[in-house]
Amino acid sequence: MTTRSRSRPAAGPEAGDADGRLAALIRTPAMAGVLVGVVLMFLAWLLPAAWNWNVHMRSWPPLHAYWDPRLGPGTVAAVAIAVLGTVYAARLADVLSWRRLLLASYVGSLAWMVSLAMVDGNDGIGVILDYKFEYMNTARSIDSWSKLSTMLHEYVARIDADNPNNWPTHISGHPPGAVMFFIGLVAIGLSSGLAAGWAVIVVVGTTSVAVLQTLRVLGAEAAARRAAPFLVLGPAAIWMAVSADAVFATVSAWGMCCLAVACTRTAYRAMASWAVAAGLLLGYAVMMSYGLPLLGLLAVAILVITRRVGPLPWAAGAGLAVLLAFYAAGFSWLEALPALHERQFRGVAANRPQQYYLWGNLAALAWSAGLAMFAGVATVLGRRWSSWRSLLFARDGQDNQTRVVSLLVVGAVLMVLAADVSGSSRGEVERIWLPFVPWLLVGTALLPPRWRRVGLVLQVVLALLAQHLLHPDW
């Protein structure tokens, strides 16, 4: 009697290929970046609860949010956009003409922000800016030039929490350029929270357009097309919709775009004109947020990429003119910053432990920018030193694409690290990071194709979960 051997069948070439692809996907800097982001997010939430560590945040640290599972009017649209985006966005970015890509990015940004905000119905757009610590109540009270002048002259004194007429939280925490944006909205008839919310969304939808155009001007169109889906779809949209910090991101992004144009113009008059435009926008961005002088690090990256310093005096002069104009009108940025620090550290910031927020801030960045951002940054920073040396001297071709992306990401990383180490922002940084987030997401252009597909799925899933399970205060 014979017996048949029942040995296990050998794996076919398809199985081996699949195992190899999976192994290749795992053994990458991108995976290391994702793991760092996941660990940060998990520990930032777990440790305060496990150790009874009061970090003076709501129920879901490090976010200024609380647990609130819900569905809403925008849920179906948000899920549909997420599915369509993960399937078609990369293909469209490859085949559309440049102008159509910019238009699609703008429309896609609007649709994604609105659908996520509308999970809470009209309240998701119309309520936040009317909160007592936000801008609109003050903006509606400044209805003449004389009141605006008085506001600027009293601005620094009213930062002090002991002043009986002290500013609401967000106004005291920012230079007057922030509230002046909303004063402008009121002046043109957009005085309700809902109208102002829609205006903010329409404006900040152009952020992706500005970043894409910057990449193209710097000679990295192919990289821009690869990064486009990540600049449109991701969790940052939760905080960009109806957020003053998103307006700061938009102003600064267009300032960087103008600087890139200036650095690539050969005609002197054109170079100077674009540099002045860049300086005015970046100068005004500094008058909207005390943290945005850090944009200088990103500006230096653009100057290094283009090997041009000619636009620098024009841009710096225009930016300084903005600060001097505010000073002449009654507001001193240099006096306001120490007054703000005193208010912060006599309030909740004094109780928020720096040993937690030094890394907890980066966990908030993971929620805001998404895990694909960590994958892209890790891919950029994971290069060998010899590769960096060659990139610094690349001028065209694929190496230039990599060079542009890498230097922009390095500039953005340095901005984040400088802001984090300063200790000026302990908590609440899921929105404060917004001006830096698009430039960090540029690094996704260097992800391998499989990782770009996986990364975009991670982005939209995180956004949907965060919006439907957590309720942020902004």
Protein backbone atom coordinates (compact mmCIF):
# COMPACT_ATOMS: atom_id res chain seq x y z
CA MET A 1 0.00 0.00 0.00
CA THR A 2 1.41 3.34 -1.01
CA THR A 3 0.89 6.59 0.77
CA ARG A 4 0.75 9.97 -0.88
CA SER A 5 2.82 12.74 0.51
CA ARG A 6 0.62 15.64 1.46
CA SER A 7 3.34 18.25 1.46
CA ARG A 8 2.36 21.92 1.54
CA PRO A 9 2.27 23.41 -1.95
CA ALA A 10 5.04 25.85 -2.69
CA ALA A 11 4.10 29.47 -2.85
CA GLY A 12 3.82 30.70 -6.39
CA PRO A 13 5.67 33.69 -7.80
CA GLU A 14 2.67 35.91 -7.12
CA ALA A 15 2.80 35.13 -3.40
CA GLY A 16 6.53 35.73 -3.31
CA ASP A 17 6.12 39.03 -5.15
CA ALA A 18 3.39 40.09 -2.74
CA ASP A 19 5.55 39.21 0.27
CA GLY A 20 8.45 41.12 -1.28
CA ARG A 21 6.32 44.17 -1.95
CA LEU A 22 5.02 44.14 1.61
CA ALA A 23 8.51 43.80 3.01
CA ALA A 24 9.74 46.64 0.80
CA LEU A 25 6.85 48.79 1.96
CA ILE A 26 7.64 48.15 5.62
CA ARG A 27 11.41 48.58 5.45
CA THR A 28 11.36 52.24 4.52
CA PRO A 29 11.92 55.57 6.27
CA ALA A 30 8.24 56.25 5.55
CA MET A 31 7.17 53.41 7.82
CA ALA A 32 9.47 54.70 10.55
CA GLY A 33 7.87 58.12 10.20
CA VAL A 34 4.35 56.71 10.44
CA LEU A 35 5.27 54.71 13.53
CA VAL A 36 6.73 57.79 15.19
CA GLY A 37 3.50 59.68 14.50
CA VAL A 38 1.30 56.86 15.81
CA VAL A 39 3.38 56.44 18.98
CA LEU A 40 3.30 60.18 19.66
CA MET A 41 -0.48 60.34 19.22
CA PHE A 42 -1.07 57.29 21.40
CA LEU A 43 1.27 58.26 24.23
CA ALA A 44 0.07 61.86 24.27
CA TRP A 45 -3.43 60.58 24.97
CA LEU A 46 -2.54 57.59 27.18
CA LEU A 47 0.06 58.92 29.60
CA PRO A 48 -2.01 61.75 31.13
CA ALA A 49 -4.84 59.27 31.79
CA ALA A 50 -2.61 56.43 33.01
CA TRP A 51 -0.49 58.60 35.30
CA ASN A 52 -3.28 60.97 36.34
CA TRP A 53 -1.14 63.70 34.77
CA ASN A 54 -3.09 66.95 34.54
CA VAL A 55 -1.87 68.61 31.36
CA HIS A 56 -4.73 71.14 31.49
CA MET A 57 -6.40 70.06 28.29
CA ARG A 58 -9.82 68.66 27.53
CA SER A 59 -10.66 64.97 27.46
CA TRP A 60 -8.53 64.11 24.44
CA PRO A 61 -5.01 65.49 24.89
CA PRO A 62 -3.02 66.79 23.17
CA LEU A 63 -5.97 68.19 21.19
CA HIS A 64 -8.19 70.97 22.42
CA ALA A 65 -11.15 68.64 21.91
CA TYR A 66 -13.45 66.25 23.69
CA TRP A 67 -14.93 62.84 22.85
CA ASP A 68 -18.18 63.28 20.92
CA PRO A 69 -19.06 60.49 18.44
CA ARG A 70 -21.63 61.72 15.91
CA LEU A 71 -22.85 61.70 12.33
CA GLY A 72 -24.20 64.73 10.54
CA PRO A 73 -25.35 66.32 7.29
CA GLY A 74 -21.82 66.39 5.89
CA THR A 75 -20.97 62.76 6.66
CA VAL A 76 -22.07 61.22 3.35
CA ALA A 77 -20.35 63.92 1.30
CA ALA A 78 -17.14 63.64 3.34
CA VAL A 79 -16.99 59.87 2.90
CA ALA A 80 -17.74 60.17 -0.82
CA ILE A 81 -15.00 62.76 -1.32
CA ALA A 82 -12.58 60.61 0.67
CA VAL A 83 -13.29 57.54 -1.48
CA LEU A 84 -13.20 59.42 -4.78
CA GLY A 85 -10.07 61.27 -3.74
CA THR A 86 -8.12 58.16 -2.82
CA VAL A 87 -9.10 56.51 -6.11
CA TYR A 88 -8.84 59.37 -8.60
CA ALA A 89 -6.89 62.31 -7.13
CA ALA A 90 -3.43 61.04 -8.05
CA ARG A 91 -4.53 60.17 -11.60
CA LEU A 92 -6.09 63.58 -12.12
CA ALA A 93 -2.99 65.30 -10.78
CA ASP A 94 -0.97 63.48 -13.44
CA VAL A 95 -3.14 64.20 -16.47
CA LEU A 96 -4.80 67.58 -15.92
CA SER A 97 -3.28 70.67 -17.47
CA TRP A 98 -1.62 72.91 -14.92
CA ARG A 99 -4.41 75.48 -14.77
CA ARG A 100 -7.03 72.78 -14.43
CA LEU A 101 -5.00 71.13 -11.69
CA LEU A 102 -4.91 74.38 -9.73
CA LEU A 103 -8.65 74.82 -10.21
CA ALA A 104 -9.32 71.21 -9.19
CA SER A 105 -7.13 71.64 -6.11
CA TYR A 106 -9.05 74.74 -5.08
CA VAL A 107 -12.47 73.17 -5.63
CA GLY A 108 -11.36 69.96 -3.94
CA SER A 109 -10.05 71.89 -0.93
CA LEU A 110 -13.35 73.75 -0.60
CA ALA A 111 -15.42 70.58 -0.92
CA TRP A 112 -13.32 68.67 1.62
CA MET A 113 -13.35 71.48 4.19
CA VAL A 114 -17.06 72.15 3.82
CA SER A 115 -18.08 68.49 3.98
CA LEU A 116 -16.10 67.95 7.18
CA ALA A 117 -17.39 71.15 8.78
CA MET A 118 -20.96 70.27 7.83
CA VAL A 119 -20.83 67.13 9.93
CA ASP A 120 -22.03 69.62 12.55
CA GLY A 121 -24.44 71.29 10.13
CA ASN A 122 -24.38 75.06 9.73
CA ASP A 123 -22.99 75.31 13.25
CA GLY A 124 -19.77 73.82 11.93
CA ILE A 125 -19.29 76.98 9.90
CA GLY A 126 -21.35 79.67 11.60
CA VAL A 127 -20.77 79.26 15.34
CA ILE A 128 -17.04 79.10 15.99
CA LEU A 129 -16.07 82.65 15.03
CA ASP A 130 -18.80 84.02 17.28
CA TYR A 131 -17.35 82.37 20.40
CA LYS A 132 -16.50 84.91 23.09
CA PHE A 133 -12.76 84.22 22.80
CA GLU A 134 -12.78 84.59 18.99
CA TYR A 135 -12.67 87.63 16.70
CA MET A 136 -16.11 88.56 15.44
CA ASN A 137 -17.57 90.26 18.52
CA THR A 138 -14.62 92.63 18.65
CA ALA A 139 -14.58 93.08 14.88
CA ARG A 140 -18.22 94.18 14.87
CA SER A 141 -17.46 96.82 17.50
CA ILE A 142 -14.75 98.50 15.36
CA ASP A 143 -16.97 100.29 12.85
CA SER A 144 -15.00 103.47 12.13
CA TRP A 145 -11.47 104.64 11.43
CA SER A 146 -11.35 106.44 14.76
CA LYS A 147 -12.21 103.24 16.64
CA LEU A 148 -9.60 101.36 14.63
CA SER A 149 -6.99 103.96 15.57
CA THR A 150 -8.01 103.76 19.22
CA MET A 151 -7.80 99.98 19.10
CA LEU A 152 -4.24 100.07 17.76
CA HIS A 153 -3.10 102.63 20.35
CA GLU A 154 -4.65 100.63 23.22
CA TYR A 155 -3.74 97.21 21.89
CA VAL A 156 -0.66 96.45 24.00
CA ALA A 157 -2.19 97.77 27.23
CA ARG A 158 -5.29 95.62 26.80
CA ILE A 159 -3.27 92.40 26.45
CA ASP A 160 -2.79 92.47 30.23
CA ALA A 161 -5.35 90.18 31.86
CA ASP A 162 -5.61 92.61 34.79
CA ASN A 163 -6.83 95.36 32.50
CA PRO A 164 -10.62 95.61 33.03
CA ASN A 165 -10.97 95.98 29.24
CA ASN A 166 -8.58 93.16 28.38
CA TRP A 167 -8.89 91.53 25.00
CA PRO A 168 -10.56 88.15 24.45
CA THR A 169 -8.16 85.21 24.35
CA HIS A 170 -7.47 85.00 20.63
CA ILE A 171 -7.16 88.74 20.11
CA SER A 172 -4.74 89.12 23.01
CA GLY A 173 -2.77 86.18 21.62
CA HIS A 174 -2.21 87.71 18.20
CA PRO A 175 -1.08 91.02 16.73
CA PRO A 176 -3.86 93.27 15.39
CA GLY A 177 -3.46 92.09 11.80
CA ALA A 178 -5.56 89.05 12.71
CA VAL A 179 -8.61 90.90 13.99
CA MET A 180 -8.24 93.50 11.23
CA PHE A 181 -8.95 90.77 8.68
CA PHE A 182 -12.31 90.21 10.33
CA ILE A 183 -12.90 93.95 10.70
CA GLY A 184 -12.52 94.04 6.92
CA LEU A 185 -15.11 91.30 6.51
CA VAL A 186 -17.55 93.24 8.67
CA ALA A 187 -16.89 96.39 6.64
CA ILE A 188 -17.97 94.67 3.42
CA GLY A 189 -21.13 93.29 5.00
CA LEU A 190 -19.97 89.83 6.15
CA SER A 191 -20.72 90.51 9.79
CA SER A 192 -22.37 87.29 10.94
CA GLY A 193 -20.41 84.29 12.12
CA LEU A 194 -21.81 82.23 9.25
CA ALA A 195 -20.90 84.78 6.58
CA ALA A 196 -17.41 85.23 8.01
CA GLY A 197 -16.99 81.45 8.21
CA TRP A 198 -17.81 81.03 4.54
CA ALA A 199 -15.45 83.88 3.67
CA VAL A 200 -12.62 82.19 5.56
CA ILE A 201 -13.23 78.92 3.72
CA VAL A 202 -13.22 80.65 0.33
CA VAL A 203 -9.92 82.37 1.15
CA VAL A 204 -8.05 79.47 2.74
CA GLY A 205 -9.01 77.12 -0.08
CA THR A 206 -6.31 78.87 -2.12
CA THR A 207 -3.52 77.67 0.19
CA SER A 208 -2.96 74.50 -1.82
CA VAL A 209 -2.88 76.56 -5.01
CA ALA A 210 -0.16 78.83 -3.60
CA VAL A 211 2.02 75.91 -2.52
CA LEU A 212 1.61 74.07 -5.83
CA GLN A 213 2.46 77.20 -7.80
CA THR A 214 5.52 77.76 -5.62
CA LEU A 215 6.79 74.28 -6.43
CA ARG A 216 6.22 74.77 -10.15
CA VAL A 217 7.96 78.15 -10.18
CA LEU A 218 10.94 76.55 -8.46
CA GLY A 219 11.14 73.92 -11.22
CA ALA A 220 9.44 71.06 -9.39
CA GLU A 221 6.16 70.63 -11.27
CA ALA A 222 6.34 66.83 -11.20
CA ALA A 223 6.79 66.93 -7.44
CA ALA A 224 3.88 69.37 -7.15
CA ARG A 225 1.62 66.96 -9.00
CA ARG A 226 2.59 64.11 -6.68
CA ALA A 227 2.01 66.23 -3.58
CA ALA A 228 -1.27 67.78 -4.78
CA PRO A 229 -3.65 65.13 -3.33
CA PHE A 230 -2.03 65.51 0.10
CA LEU A 231 -2.32 69.30 0.01
CA VAL A 232 -6.06 68.96 -0.66
CA LEU A 233 -7.13 65.93 1.39
CA GLY A 234 -6.13 65.44 4.99
CA PRO A 235 -7.04 66.13 8.61
CA ALA A 236 -5.72 69.72 8.52
CA ALA A 237 -8.99 70.63 6.77
CA ILE A 238 -10.82 70.12 10.07
CA TRP A 239 -8.98 73.08 11.59
CA MET A 240 -8.52 75.08 8.38
CA ALA A 241 -12.26 75.56 7.92
CA VAL A 242 -13.37 78.58 9.93
CA SER A 243 -9.95 79.17 11.49
CA ALA A 244 -8.04 82.43 11.63
CA ASP A 245 -4.80 80.44 11.72
CA ALA A 246 -5.70 79.04 8.31
CA VAL A 247 -5.93 82.62 7.03
CA PHE A 248 -2.41 83.17 8.35
CA ALA A 249 -1.35 80.05 6.45
CA THR A 250 -2.88 81.39 3.25
CA VAL A 251 -1.29 84.84 3.51
CA SER A 252 2.12 83.34 4.25
CA ALA A 253 1.81 80.74 1.45
CA TRP A 254 1.11 83.43 -1.14
CA GLY A 255 4.00 85.45 0.29
CA MET A 256 6.31 82.49 -0.27
CA CYS A 257 4.91 82.04 -3.76
CA CYS A 258 5.67 85.67 -4.60
CA LEU A 259 9.19 85.27 -3.21
CA ALA A 260 9.75 82.20 -5.40
CA VAL A 261 8.56 84.16 -8.45
CA ALA A 262 10.89 87.03 -7.56
CA CYS A 263 13.83 84.65 -7.25
CA THR A 264 13.21 83.22 -10.71
CA ARG A 265 12.75 86.52 -12.60
CA THR A 266 15.67 87.78 -14.62
CA ALA A 267 14.30 91.26 -15.37
CA TYR A 268 15.25 93.55 -12.48
CA ARG A 269 11.93 95.41 -12.34
CA ALA A 270 9.92 92.19 -12.27
CA MET A 271 12.19 90.73 -9.60
CA ALA A 272 11.86 93.81 -7.42
CA SER A 273 8.08 94.04 -7.87
CA TRP A 274 7.48 90.42 -6.91
CA ALA A 275 9.91 90.71 -3.98
CA VAL A 276 8.02 93.75 -2.65
CA ALA A 277 4.75 91.82 -2.95
CA ALA A 278 6.34 88.94 -1.02
CA GLY A 279 7.58 91.29 1.70
CA LEU A 280 4.19 92.96 2.10
CA LEU A 281 2.40 89.62 2.44
CA LEU A 282 4.98 88.09 4.78
CA GLY A 283 5.17 91.29 6.79
CA TYR A 284 1.43 91.27 7.22
CA ALA A 285 1.58 87.58 8.20
CA VAL A 286 3.96 88.55 11.01
CA MET A 287 1.36 91.12 12.08
CA MET A 288 -1.20 88.30 12.31
CA SER A 289 0.77 85.84 14.45
CA TYR A 290 3.74 86.24 16.77
CA GLY A 291 5.11 82.89 15.65
CA LEU A 292 5.40 83.71 11.98
CA PRO A 293 8.80 85.44 11.96
CA LEU A 294 9.86 81.77 11.76
CA LEU A 295 8.79 81.96 8.11
CA GLY A 296 12.22 83.45 7.56
CA LEU A 297 13.61 79.90 7.71
CA LEU A 298 11.41 78.86 4.80
CA ALA A 299 12.33 82.03 2.91
CA VAL A 300 16.01 81.15 3.32
CA ALA A 301 15.26 77.71 1.86
CA ILE A 302 13.79 79.37 -1.25
CA LEU A 303 16.85 81.63 -1.57
CA VAL A 304 19.12 78.58 -1.30
CA ILE A 305 17.08 76.66 -3.87
CA THR A 306 17.27 79.48 -6.41
CA ARG A 307 20.75 80.68 -5.44
CA ARG A 308 19.46 84.25 -5.54
CA VAL A 309 19.82 86.96 -2.92
CA GLY A 310 18.82 89.92 -5.08
CA PRO A 311 15.17 89.84 -3.95
CA LEU A 312 16.12 89.79 -0.26
CA PRO A 313 16.63 93.56 0.29
CA TRP A 314 13.38 94.36 -1.51
CA ALA A 315 11.36 91.75 0.40
CA ALA A 316 12.94 92.62 3.75
CA GLY A 317 12.37 96.32 3.15
CA ALA A 318 8.71 95.81 2.29
CA GLY A 319 8.18 93.57 5.31
CA LEU A 320 9.81 96.14 7.58
CA ALA A 321 7.58 98.83 6.07
CA VAL A 322 4.52 96.87 7.23
CA LEU A 323 5.83 96.72 10.79
CA LEU A 324 6.69 100.43 10.75
CA ALA A 325 3.23 101.30 9.42
CA PHE A 326 1.63 99.51 12.36
CA TYR A 327 4.05 101.23 14.72
CA ALA A 328 3.15 104.62 13.30
CA ALA A 329 -0.54 103.73 13.75
CA GLY A 330 0.02 102.99 17.44
CA PHE A 331 0.95 99.29 17.75
CA SER A 332 4.42 98.07 18.69
CA TRP A 333 5.07 94.40 17.92
CA LEU A 334 8.17 94.39 20.11
CA GLU A 335 6.23 95.70 23.12
CA ALA A 336 3.28 93.39 22.54
CA LEU A 337 5.24 90.12 22.53
CA PRO A 338 6.56 90.34 26.12
CA ALA A 339 3.14 91.55 27.28
CA LEU A 340 1.60 88.43 25.73
CA HIS A 341 4.19 86.15 27.35
CA GLU A 342 3.39 87.66 30.74
CA ARG A 343 -0.34 87.04 30.23
CA GLN A 344 0.27 83.49 29.00
CA PHE A 345 2.44 82.45 31.91
CA ARG A 346 0.18 84.00 34.49
CA GLY A 347 -2.65 81.93 33.05
CA VAL A 348 -3.13 78.36 31.86
CA ALA A 349 0.26 78.13 30.16
CA ALA A 350 1.94 78.27 33.56
CA ASN A 351 0.13 75.06 34.52
CA ARG A 352 0.76 73.17 31.29
CA PRO A 353 3.95 71.12 31.79
CA GLN A 354 6.64 71.76 29.19
CA GLN A 355 7.98 68.22 29.69
CA TYR A 356 4.70 66.99 28.18
CA TYR A 357 4.11 69.61 25.52
CA LEU A 358 7.65 69.47 24.18
CA TRP A 359 6.62 66.23 22.49
CA GLY A 360 2.85 66.52 22.94
CA ASN A 361 2.88 69.46 20.54
CA LEU A 362 4.33 67.14 17.91
CA ALA A 363 1.55 64.66 18.63
CA ALA A 364 -0.95 67.44 17.93
CA LEU A 365 0.93 68.06 14.69
CA ALA A 366 0.37 64.40 13.80
CA TRP A 367 -3.38 64.89 14.22
CA SER A 368 -3.36 68.13 12.25
CA ALA A 369 -0.99 67.28 9.39
CA GLY A 370 -1.62 63.53 9.28
CA LEU A 371 0.60 60.46 9.32
CA ALA A 372 1.54 60.82 5.65
CA MET A 373 3.31 64.04 6.61
CA PHE A 374 5.50 62.07 9.03
CA ALA A 375 6.18 59.53 6.28
CA GLY A 376 7.20 62.25 3.84
CA VAL A 377 9.41 64.09 6.33
CA ALA A 378 11.12 60.84 7.33
CA THR A 379 11.76 60.07 3.67
CA VAL A 380 13.37 63.47 3.19
CA LEU A 381 15.45 63.41 6.35
CA GLY A 382 16.43 59.74 5.93
CA ARG A 383 18.85 60.52 3.11
CA ARG A 384 22.54 59.79 3.42
CA TRP A 385 24.84 62.77 3.82
CA SER A 386 26.46 62.06 0.45
CA SER A 387 23.02 62.33 -1.16
CA TRP A 388 22.44 65.69 0.53
CA ARG A 389 25.74 67.00 -0.77
CA SER A 390 24.81 66.12 -4.33
CA LEU A 391 21.35 67.63 -3.92
CA LEU A 392 22.75 70.98 -2.89
CA PHE A 393 24.37 71.32 -6.30
CA ALA A 394 21.64 69.82 -8.48
CA ARG A 395 20.24 72.17 -11.10
CA ASP A 396 17.80 70.29 -13.29
CA GLY A 397 16.10 66.97 -13.89
CA GLN A 398 14.81 64.65 -11.22
CA ASP A 399 17.56 65.67 -8.81
CA ASN A 400 16.26 69.23 -8.88
CA GLN A 401 12.74 68.01 -8.07
CA THR A 402 14.14 66.19 -5.06
CA ARG A 403 16.31 69.15 -4.11
CA VAL A 404 13.42 71.62 -4.11
CA VAL A 405 11.19 69.36 -2.05
CA SER A 406 13.94 68.44 0.40
CA LEU A 407 15.04 72.00 1.13
CA LEU A 408 11.47 73.23 1.57
CA VAL A 409 10.75 70.40 3.98
CA VAL A 410 13.94 71.07 5.93
CA GLY A 411 12.91 74.72 6.25
CA ALA A 412 9.46 73.68 7.49
CA VAL A 413 10.90 71.17 9.97
CA LEU A 414 13.22 73.82 11.39
CA MET A 415 10.24 76.17 11.83
CA VAL A 416 8.32 73.53 13.76
CA LEU A 417 11.28 72.62 15.97
CA ALA A 418 12.04 76.25 16.75
CA ALA A 419 8.40 76.92 17.67
CA ASP A 420 8.22 73.77 19.78
CA VAL A 421 11.45 74.31 21.71
CA SER A 422 10.52 77.93 22.44
CA GLY A 423 7.78 76.73 24.80
CA SER A 424 5.56 79.62 23.72
CA SER A 425 2.73 77.32 22.65
CA ARG A 426 1.78 74.62 25.11
CA GLY A 427 -1.27 72.95 23.68
CA GLU A 428 -3.68 74.38 21.11
CA VAL A 429 -1.11 73.76 18.38
CA GLU A 430 -3.29 71.65 16.12
CA ARG A 431 -4.36 74.98 14.60
CA ILE A 432 -1.21 77.00 15.33
CA TRP A 433 0.78 74.57 13.13
CA LEU A 434 -1.44 75.32 10.10
CA PRO A 435 0.95 77.83 8.43
CA PHE A 436 3.69 75.18 8.53
CA VAL A 437 1.64 72.11 7.60
CA PRO A 438 1.43 72.59 3.78
CA TRP A 439 5.20 72.88 3.51
CA LEU A 440 5.70 69.74 5.58
CA LEU A 441 3.24 67.90 3.33
CA VAL A 442 5.40 68.76 0.31
CA GLY A 443 7.61 65.88 1.44
CA THR A 444 4.93 63.39 0.34
CA ALA A 445 6.11 64.03 -3.23
CA LEU A 446 9.18 61.90 -2.49
CA LEU A 447 7.25 58.92 -1.17
CA PRO A 448 7.37 55.76 -3.32
CA PRO A 449 4.18 55.25 -5.39
CA ARG A 450 2.80 52.53 -3.10
CA TRP A 451 3.41 54.69 -0.09
CA ARG A 452 1.62 57.62 -1.70
CA ARG A 453 -1.45 55.42 -2.15
CA VAL A 454 -1.26 54.13 1.41
CA GLY A 455 -0.49 57.59 2.76
CA LEU A 456 -3.51 59.23 1.16
CA VAL A 457 -5.77 56.57 2.65
CA LEU A 458 -4.22 57.23 6.07
CA GLN A 459 -4.89 60.95 5.64
CA VAL A 460 -8.58 60.70 4.81
CA VAL A 461 -9.28 57.97 7.37
CA LEU A 462 -7.68 60.03 10.14
CA ALA A 463 -9.64 63.10 9.05
CA LEU A 464 -12.95 61.23 9.04
CA LEU A 465 -12.31 59.61 12.42
CA ALA A 466 -11.16 62.85 14.04
CA GLN A 467 -14.12 64.83 12.75
CA HIS A 468 -16.73 62.23 13.66
CA LEU A 469 -15.35 61.11 17.03
CA LEU A 470 -13.86 64.29 18.48
CA HIS A 471 -15.29 67.76 18.88
CA PRO A 472 -12.65 70.50 18.70
CA ASP A 473 -13.26 73.96 20.09
CA TRP A 474 -12.08 75.47 16.80
